[in-house]
Amino acid sequence: MTYLIIPALAVSIAIIALLWHGDPKRRRTVGLRDRADGTAKRRALAAVALVPGLVLAVLGDSAAFLVWFGACAIAGWLVAQVRVRA
């Protein structure tokens, strides 16, 4: 079961990066206001990012779920630190 952590993290971190890329507030700050993602798309991406954790929880692998949860939190923090020049 612990081999599921790597694909679960890959999917969730990729979606976190997509959420960062389309964040309206960040895009306004760098002057790219016109290409921000809408609310519905961001909510759908957030829901999909949680699916791997739900799968780990349903399978009963609590250690894998906690590793996934912590790694996603750290990945989200690291992605938020990325600065882009306009």
C-alpha atoms as a PDB file:
ATOM      1  CA  MET A   1       0.000   0.000   0.000  1.00  0.00           C
ATOM      2  CA  THR A   2       2.804   2.430   0.680  1.00  0.00           C
ATOM      3  CA  TYR A   3       3.740   2.379  -3.007  1.00  0.00           C
ATOM      4  CA  LEU A   4       0.610   4.425  -3.611  1.00  0.00           C
ATOM      5  CA  ILE A   5       2.171   7.449  -1.885  1.00  0.00           C
ATOM      6  CA  ILE A   6       4.361   8.415  -4.840  1.00  0.00           C
ATOM      7  CA  PRO A   7       1.605   8.549  -7.496  1.00  0.00           C
ATOM      8  CA  ALA A   8      -0.770  10.185  -5.011  1.00  0.00           C
ATOM      9  CA  LEU A   9       1.797  12.887  -4.279  1.00  0.00           C
ATOM     10  CA  ALA A  10       2.577  13.367  -7.958  1.00  0.00           C
ATOM     11  CA  VAL A  11      -1.081  13.939  -8.817  1.00  0.00           C
ATOM     12  CA  SER A  12      -1.761  16.242  -5.887  1.00  0.00           C
ATOM     13  CA  ILE A  13       1.394  18.319  -6.309  1.00  0.00           C
ATOM     14  CA  ALA A  14       0.731  18.724 -10.030  1.00  0.00           C
ATOM     15  CA  ILE A  15      -2.756  20.016  -9.259  1.00  0.00           C
ATOM     16  CA  ILE A  16      -1.402  22.324  -6.554  1.00  0.00           C
ATOM     17  CA  ALA A  17       0.931  23.764  -9.193  1.00  0.00           C
ATOM     18  CA  LEU A  18      -2.031  24.254 -11.546  1.00  0.00           C
ATOM     19  CA  LEU A  19      -3.903  26.056  -8.787  1.00  0.00           C
ATOM     20  CA  TRP A  20      -0.885  28.302  -8.237  1.00  0.00           C
ATOM     21  CA  HIS A  21      -0.604  29.020 -11.953  1.00  0.00           C
ATOM     22  CA  GLY A  22      -4.221  30.170 -12.288  1.00  0.00           C
ATOM     23  CA  ASP A  23      -4.531  32.020  -8.976  1.00  0.00           C
ATOM     24  CA  PRO A  24      -6.298  35.330  -9.722  1.00  0.00           C
ATOM     25  CA  LYS A  25      -4.655  37.291  -6.901  1.00  0.00           C
ATOM     26  CA  ARG A  26      -1.149  36.203  -7.879  1.00  0.00           C
ATOM     27  CA  ARG A  27      -1.851  36.915 -11.558  1.00  0.00           C
ATOM     28  CA  ARG A  28      -3.178  40.399 -10.744  1.00  0.00           C
ATOM     29  CA  THR A  29      -0.012  41.136  -8.810  1.00  0.00           C
ATOM     30  CA  VAL A  30       2.237  40.300 -11.772  1.00  0.00           C
ATOM     31  CA  GLY A  31      -0.025  42.044 -14.296  1.00  0.00           C
ATOM     32  CA  LEU A  32      -1.601  39.000 -15.986  1.00  0.00           C
ATOM     33  CA  ARG A  33      -5.169  39.724 -14.985  1.00  0.00           C
ATOM     34  CA  ASP A  34      -6.864  38.429 -18.146  1.00  0.00           C
ATOM     35  CA  ARG A  35      -5.801  34.762 -17.889  1.00  0.00           C
ATOM     36  CA  ALA A  36      -6.848  33.874 -14.327  1.00  0.00           C
ATOM     37  CA  ASP A  37      -8.898  30.743 -13.645  1.00  0.00           C
ATOM     38  CA  GLY A  38     -12.549  31.013 -12.677  1.00  0.00           C
ATOM     39  CA  THR A  39     -14.027  29.977  -9.359  1.00  0.00           C
ATOM     40  CA  ALA A  40     -15.589  26.784 -10.710  1.00  0.00           C
ATOM     41  CA  LYS A  41     -12.314  25.586 -12.220  1.00  0.00           C
ATOM     42  CA  ARG A  42     -10.365  26.298  -9.020  1.00  0.00           C
ATOM     43  CA  ARG A  43     -12.930  24.465  -6.890  1.00  0.00           C
ATOM     44  CA  ALA A  44     -12.874  21.463  -9.235  1.00  0.00           C
ATOM     45  CA  LEU A  45      -9.071  21.365  -9.147  1.00  0.00           C
ATOM     46  CA  ALA A  46      -9.085  21.569  -5.357  1.00  0.00           C
ATOM     47  CA  ALA A  47     -11.548  18.673  -5.166  1.00  0.00           C
ATOM     48  CA  VAL A  48      -9.456  16.568  -7.553  1.00  0.00           C
ATOM     49  CA  ALA A  49      -6.313  17.328  -5.529  1.00  0.00           C
ATOM     50  CA  LEU A  50      -7.975  15.748  -2.490  1.00  0.00           C
ATOM     51  CA  VAL A  51      -8.966  12.513  -4.258  1.00  0.00           C
ATOM     52  CA  PRO A  52      -5.592  10.740  -3.789  1.00  0.00           C
ATOM     53  CA  GLY A  53      -5.744  11.404  -0.054  1.00  0.00           C
ATOM     54  CA  LEU A  54      -9.287  10.095   0.061  1.00  0.00           C
ATOM     55  CA  VAL A  55      -8.158   6.926  -1.706  1.00  0.00           C
ATOM     56  CA  LEU A  56      -5.358   6.433   0.816  1.00  0.00           C
ATOM     57  CA  ALA A  57      -7.773   6.991   3.708  1.00  0.00           C
ATOM     58  CA  VAL A  58     -10.381   4.590   2.320  1.00  0.00           C
ATOM     59  CA  LEU A  59      -7.726   1.903   1.832  1.00  0.00           C
ATOM     60  CA  GLY A  60      -6.968   2.247   5.542  1.00  0.00           C
ATOM     61  CA  ASP A  61      -3.320   3.205   5.155  1.00  0.00           C
ATOM     62  CA  SER A  62      -3.152   5.889   7.819  1.00  0.00           C
ATOM     63  CA  ALA A  63       0.621   6.296   7.599  1.00  0.00           C
ATOM     64  CA  ALA A  64       0.457   6.870   3.838  1.00  0.00           C
ATOM     65  CA  PHE A  65      -2.382   9.349   4.322  1.00  0.00           C
ATOM     66  CA  LEU A  66      -0.418  11.340   6.895  1.00  0.00           C
ATOM     67  CA  VAL A  67       2.696  11.386   4.704  1.00  0.00           C
ATOM     68  CA  TRP A  68       0.563  12.518   1.734  1.00  0.00           C
ATOM     69  CA  PHE A  69      -1.123  15.198   3.839  1.00  0.00           C
ATOM     70  CA  GLY A  70       2.146  16.594   5.191  1.00  0.00           C
ATOM     71  CA  ALA A  71       3.891  16.508   1.817  1.00  0.00           C
ATOM     72  CA  CYS A  72       0.986  18.326   0.152  1.00  0.00           C
ATOM     73  CA  ALA A  73       1.058  20.990   2.847  1.00  0.00           C
ATOM     74  CA  ILE A  74       4.792  21.517   2.363  1.00  0.00           C
ATOM     75  CA  ALA A  75       4.438  21.472  -1.436  1.00  0.00           C
ATOM     76  CA  GLY A  76       1.684  24.074  -1.256  1.00  0.00           C
ATOM     77  CA  TRP A  77       3.839  26.280   0.920  1.00  0.00           C
ATOM     78  CA  LEU A  78       6.837  25.900  -1.400  1.00  0.00           C
ATOM     79  CA  VAL A  79       4.785  26.623  -4.519  1.00  0.00           C
ATOM     80  CA  ALA A  80       3.396  29.748  -2.874  1.00  0.00           C
ATOM     81  CA  GLN A  81       6.962  31.008  -2.377  1.00  0.00           C
ATOM     82  CA  VAL A  82       7.711  31.006  -6.118  1.00  0.00           C
ATOM     83  CA  ARG A  83       7.996  34.504  -7.530  1.00  0.00           C
ATOM     84  CA  VAL A  84       7.371  35.240 -11.212  1.00  0.00           C
ATOM     85  CA  ARG A  85       8.381  38.366 -13.030  1.00  0.00           C
ATOM     86  CA  ALA A  86       5.864  39.850 -15.456  1.00  0.00           C
END
